[in-house]
């Protein structure tokens, strides 16, 4: 009927400049490095394996000092 029309033909690749391609790869790598860093630091909290207030280190605990009157 309407000659030459291909309904589901291949789409042409969009033109992306080299600077945009370079910046997108850098930002993507930065995102993944940040995610991996946060998982290393807070992975147990993110997975629900521990609570953030259950750190267990005793060097920040406040000692109760009884004042004698």
Protein backbone atom coordinates (compact mmCIF):
# COMPACT_ATOMS: atom_id res chain seq x y z
CA UNK A 1 0.00 0.00 0.00
CA UNK A 2 2.47 2.66 1.09
CA UNK A 3 5.68 1.42 -0.48
CA UNK A 4 9.07 1.27 1.23
CA UNK A 5 7.97 1.70 4.84
CA UNK A 6 9.63 -0.65 7.35
CA UNK A 7 7.70 -0.73 10.58
CA UNK A 8 10.29 -2.35 12.87
CA UNK A 9 13.57 -1.55 11.21
CA UNK A 10 16.86 -0.97 13.01
CA UNK A 11 17.23 2.37 14.74
CA UNK A 12 20.20 4.55 13.84
CA UNK A 13 22.79 5.10 16.56
CA UNK A 14 22.67 8.60 18.04
CA UNK A 15 25.71 10.83 17.62
CA UNK A 16 27.44 11.49 20.95
CA UNK A 17 30.48 13.74 21.12
CA UNK A 18 33.72 12.40 22.57
CA UNK A 19 33.68 14.82 25.52
CA UNK A 20 30.18 13.72 26.55
CA UNK A 21 31.21 10.08 26.26
CA UNK A 22 34.35 10.70 28.35
CA UNK A 23 32.49 12.68 31.04
CA UNK A 24 29.73 10.06 31.28
CA UNK A 25 32.26 7.27 31.82
CA UNK A 26 34.05 9.32 34.48
CA UNK A 27 30.83 10.14 36.34
CA UNK A 28 29.68 6.52 36.10
CA UNK A 29 32.99 5.27 37.50
CA UNK A 30 32.80 7.84 40.31
CA UNK A 31 29.28 6.67 41.16
CA UNK A 32 30.36 3.01 41.39
CA UNK A 33 33.48 3.83 43.43
CA UNK A 34 31.28 5.79 45.87
CA UNK A 35 28.78 2.92 46.12
CA UNK A 36 31.55 0.38 46.78
CA UNK A 37 33.13 2.68 49.38
CA UNK A 38 29.83 3.12 51.23
CA UNK A 39 29.19 -0.64 51.15
CA UNK A 40 32.63 -1.25 52.61
CA UNK A 41 32.03 1.30 55.37
CA UNK A 42 28.32 0.70 56.11
CA UNK A 43 27.48 -2.58 54.40
CA UNK A 44 26.18 -4.29 57.53
CA UNK A 45 23.85 -1.40 58.28
CA UNK A 46 22.55 -1.27 54.70
CA UNK A 47 21.85 -5.01 54.70
CA UNK A 48 20.24 -4.90 58.14
CA UNK A 49 22.91 -7.08 59.77
CA UNK A 50 23.66 -4.50 62.46
CA UNK A 51 22.28 -1.24 63.77
CA UNK A 52 24.22 2.00 63.39
CA UNK A 53 24.17 2.58 67.15
CA UNK A 54 25.60 -0.91 67.90
CA UNK A 55 29.20 0.02 67.17
CA UNK A 56 30.63 -1.76 70.21
CA UNK A 57 33.77 0.31 70.51
CA UNK A 58 34.37 1.24 74.12
CA UNK A 59 36.61 4.23 73.63
CA UNK A 60 33.70 6.69 73.29
CA UNK A 61 31.73 5.55 76.30
CA UNK A 62 31.09 8.08 79.03
CA UNK A 63 32.17 6.92 82.45
CA UNK A 64 29.83 7.60 85.35
CA UNK A 65 31.70 9.65 87.90
CA UNK A 66 30.11 9.75 91.34
CA UNK A 67 30.65 13.00 93.10
CA UNK A 68 31.12 12.74 96.83
CA UNK A 69 29.48 15.51 98.84
